[in-house]
Protein backbone atom coordinates (compact mmCIF):
# COMPACT_ATOMS: atom_id res chain seq x y z
CA UNK A 1 83.50 101.52 114.60
CA UNK A 2 84.42 102.53 111.06
CA UNK A 3 86.48 105.60 110.32
CA UNK A 4 86.98 107.51 107.10
CA UNK A 5 90.44 108.17 105.71
CA UNK A 6 91.48 110.24 102.71
CA UNK A 7 93.71 108.59 100.13
CA UNK A 8 95.02 109.83 96.78
CA UNK A 9 93.95 108.44 93.40
CA UNK A 10 96.00 108.83 90.24
CA UNK A 11 94.07 108.28 87.01
CA UNK A 12 95.76 107.66 83.67
CA UNK A 13 93.74 107.63 80.44
CA UNK A 14 94.15 104.37 78.57
CA UNK A 15 92.41 103.19 75.44
CA UNK A 16 88.78 102.62 76.38
CA UNK A 17 88.97 104.01 79.92
CA UNK A 18 91.18 104.90 82.87
CA UNK A 19 93.68 103.11 85.08
CA UNK A 20 93.25 104.18 88.72
CA UNK A 21 96.05 103.83 91.29
CA UNK A 22 95.98 104.47 95.02
CA UNK A 23 99.24 106.29 95.69
CA UNK A 24 99.44 105.31 99.37
CA UNK A 25 98.68 101.60 98.91
CA UNK A 26 99.61 98.97 96.29
CA UNK A 27 96.14 98.95 94.71
CA UNK A 28 95.41 99.44 90.99
CA UNK A 29 92.19 99.00 89.02
CA UNK A 30 90.41 100.43 85.98
CA UNK A 31 87.10 101.76 84.73
CA UNK A 32 85.47 103.10 81.60
CA UNK A 33 85.00 106.61 83.04
CA UNK A 34 86.73 108.67 85.73
CA UNK A 35 83.79 108.14 88.05
CA UNK A 36 83.74 104.39 87.45
CA UNK A 37 87.51 104.09 87.89
CA UNK A 38 87.36 105.93 91.24
CA UNK A 39 84.42 103.79 92.38
CA UNK A 40 86.30 100.63 91.41
CA UNK A 41 89.41 101.90 93.21
CA UNK A 42 87.39 102.65 96.36
CA UNK A 43 85.99 99.10 96.32
CA UNK A 44 89.42 97.57 95.65
CA UNK A 45 91.00 99.54 98.52
CA UNK A 46 88.22 98.49 100.90
CA UNK A 47 88.81 94.84 99.96
CA UNK A 48 92.59 95.27 100.31
CA UNK A 49 92.16 96.78 103.79
CA UNK A 50 90.06 93.82 104.95
CA UNK A 51 93.26 91.71 104.87
CA UNK A 52 96.00 94.30 105.39
CA UNK A 53 96.42 96.60 108.38
CA UNK A 54 96.31 100.28 107.59
CA UNK A 55 99.12 102.37 109.03
CA UNK A 56 97.86 104.78 111.70
CA UNK A 57 98.73 107.69 109.41
CA UNK A 58 99.23 106.58 105.78
CA UNK A 59 101.89 108.70 104.08
CA UNK A 60 100.48 111.20 101.61
CA UNK A 61 102.54 111.45 98.45
CA UNK A 62 104.08 114.69 97.27
CA UNK A 63 103.17 115.35 93.65
CA UNK A 64 105.29 117.65 91.54
CA UNK A 65 105.97 118.06 87.83
CA UNK A 66 109.50 117.68 86.51
CA UNK A 67 111.19 118.18 83.13
CA UNK A 68 113.06 115.55 81.13
CA UNK A 69 115.28 116.22 78.12
CA UNK A 70 114.54 114.05 75.11
CA UNK A 71 116.24 113.94 71.71
CA UNK A 72 114.72 116.19 69.05
CA UNK A 73 112.67 114.32 66.47
């Protein structure tokens, strides 16, 4: 029987679309829109999980902003 799990997507705007990454698994894809990128990521994760076992409880990442000092222009 199938079960539903919640994973985290990170989307980065790139020229012409978005790069979508699953933060819990090594899966990356892209799409022209946010919706398309998430749909493509969902499909890629489903295909990945056909061949790879999913941990019982995948680790959820902790996201936090941080500052970096850069030289003045």
